[in-house]
Amino acid sequence: MNVHKNARLSQHSRAEVVRRVQAGQPPKAVATAFGVDVKTVAKG
């Protein structure tokens, strides 16, 4: 995966975002918890 130096999420954070959404948490709540946009969560 290509991650630029200013990325808000690391590989581990991205994996946690995916886990939380798959566990049933609303994408908006996950986005707020990680300080990113809902669009970023949707990329999962």
N, C-alpha and C. Protein backbone atom coordinates (compact mmCIF):
# COMPACT_ATOMS: atom_id res chain seq x y z
N MET A 1 0.85 -1.16 0.00
CA MET A 1 0.00 0.00 0.00
C MET A 1 0.90 1.23 0.00
N ASN A 2 0.53 2.21 -0.78
CA ASN A 2 1.25 3.46 -0.87
C ASN A 2 0.65 4.46 0.11
N VAL A 3 1.36 4.82 1.15
CA VAL A 3 0.86 5.77 2.14
C VAL A 3 1.76 6.99 2.13
N HIS A 4 1.19 8.16 1.88
CA HIS A 4 2.00 9.37 1.87
C HIS A 4 2.31 9.82 3.28
N LYS A 5 3.29 10.68 3.43
CA LYS A 5 3.80 11.04 4.75
C LYS A 5 2.79 11.79 5.62
N ASN A 6 1.78 12.39 5.03
CA ASN A 6 0.77 13.14 5.80
C ASN A 6 -0.52 12.36 6.01
N ALA A 7 -0.50 11.08 5.77
CA ALA A 7 -1.71 10.26 5.90
C ALA A 7 -2.22 10.28 7.34
N ARG A 8 -3.51 10.40 7.49
CA ARG A 8 -4.12 10.43 8.83
C ARG A 8 -4.17 9.04 9.46
N LEU A 9 -4.22 8.01 8.63
CA LEU A 9 -4.33 6.65 9.14
C LEU A 9 -3.15 5.78 8.69
N SER A 10 -2.63 5.01 9.61
CA SER A 10 -1.60 4.04 9.26
C SER A 10 -2.28 2.75 8.80
N GLN A 11 -1.51 1.76 8.39
CA GLN A 11 -2.08 0.48 8.00
C GLN A 11 -2.88 -0.12 9.14
N HIS A 12 -2.37 -0.02 10.34
CA HIS A 12 -3.04 -0.60 11.51
C HIS A 12 -4.33 0.15 11.82
N SER A 13 -4.31 1.46 11.68
CA SER A 13 -5.52 2.24 11.92
C SER A 13 -6.59 1.93 10.88
N ARG A 14 -6.17 1.77 9.62
CA ARG A 14 -7.12 1.42 8.57
C ARG A 14 -7.77 0.08 8.86
N ALA A 15 -6.96 -0.88 9.32
CA ALA A 15 -7.50 -2.20 9.65
C ALA A 15 -8.51 -2.09 10.79
N GLU A 16 -8.24 -1.24 11.77
CA GLU A 16 -9.17 -1.04 12.88
C GLU A 16 -10.46 -0.38 12.41
N VAL A 17 -10.37 0.55 11.47
CA VAL A 17 -11.56 1.18 10.90
C VAL A 17 -12.44 0.11 10.26
N VAL A 18 -11.83 -0.76 9.47
CA VAL A 18 -12.58 -1.83 8.80
C VAL A 18 -13.22 -2.75 9.83
N ARG A 19 -12.47 -3.14 10.86
CA ARG A 19 -13.01 -4.03 11.90
C ARG A 19 -14.23 -3.41 12.58
N ARG A 20 -14.12 -2.13 12.89
CA ARG A 20 -15.24 -1.47 13.59
C ARG A 20 -16.49 -1.39 12.72
N VAL A 21 -16.31 -1.09 11.44
CA VAL A 21 -17.47 -1.01 10.54
C VAL A 21 -18.08 -2.39 10.36
N GLN A 22 -17.24 -3.42 10.21
CA GLN A 22 -17.75 -4.79 10.06
C GLN A 22 -18.44 -5.26 11.33
N ALA A 23 -18.04 -4.72 12.48
CA ALA A 23 -18.66 -5.08 13.75
C ALA A 23 -20.01 -4.39 13.94
N GLY A 24 -20.35 -3.48 13.03
CA GLY A 24 -21.66 -2.86 13.09
C GLY A 24 -21.70 -1.41 13.53
N GLN A 25 -20.55 -0.82 13.80
CA GLN A 25 -20.55 0.59 14.18
C GLN A 25 -20.87 1.43 12.96
N PRO A 26 -21.65 2.49 13.14
CA PRO A 26 -21.97 3.37 12.01
C PRO A 26 -20.71 4.06 11.48
N PRO A 27 -20.57 4.14 10.15
CA PRO A 27 -19.39 4.78 9.57
C PRO A 27 -19.13 6.19 10.08
N LYS A 28 -20.18 6.95 10.34
CA LYS A 28 -19.99 8.31 10.83
C LYS A 28 -19.33 8.31 12.22
N ALA A 29 -19.72 7.37 13.07
CA ALA A 29 -19.12 7.28 14.40
C ALA A 29 -17.66 6.86 14.32
N VAL A 30 -17.35 5.94 13.41
CA VAL A 30 -15.97 5.50 13.23
C VAL A 30 -15.13 6.66 12.69
N ALA A 31 -15.67 7.39 11.73
CA ALA A 31 -14.95 8.52 11.15
C ALA A 31 -14.64 9.57 12.22
N THR A 32 -15.60 9.85 13.07
CA THR A 32 -15.40 10.82 14.14
C THR A 32 -14.34 10.34 15.12
N ALA A 33 -14.37 9.06 15.46
CA ALA A 33 -13.40 8.50 16.41
C ALA A 33 -11.97 8.59 15.88
N PHE A 34 -11.79 8.46 14.57
CA PHE A 34 -10.46 8.48 13.98
C PHE A 34 -10.08 9.85 13.41
N GLY A 35 -11.00 10.80 13.45
CA GLY A 35 -10.70 12.14 12.97
C GLY A 35 -10.56 12.23 11.46
N VAL A 36 -11.35 11.42 10.75
CA VAL A 36 -11.32 11.43 9.29
C VAL A 36 -12.73 11.63 8.75
N ASP A 37 -12.84 11.83 7.45
CA ASP A 37 -14.13 12.00 6.80
C ASP A 37 -14.80 10.65 6.60
N VAL A 38 -16.12 10.67 6.49
CA VAL A 38 -16.89 9.45 6.24
C VAL A 38 -16.45 8.82 4.91
N LYS A 39 -16.06 9.64 3.95
CA LYS A 39 -15.59 9.12 2.64
C LYS A 39 -14.35 8.25 2.83
N THR A 40 -13.49 8.63 3.76
CA THR A 40 -12.29 7.85 4.04
C THR A 40 -12.67 6.50 4.61
N VAL A 41 -13.64 6.48 5.51
CA VAL A 41 -14.11 5.22 6.10
C VAL A 41 -14.72 4.34 5.01
N ALA A 42 -15.43 4.94 4.08
CA ALA A 42 -16.08 4.17 3.01
C ALA A 42 -15.07 3.49 2.11
N LYS A 43 -13.86 4.03 2.01
CA LYS A 43 -12.82 3.42 1.17
C LYS A 43 -12.40 2.06 1.72
N GLY A 44 -12.46 1.94 3.08
CA GLY A 44 -12.10 0.76 3.83
C GLY A 44 -11.44 -0.27 3.08
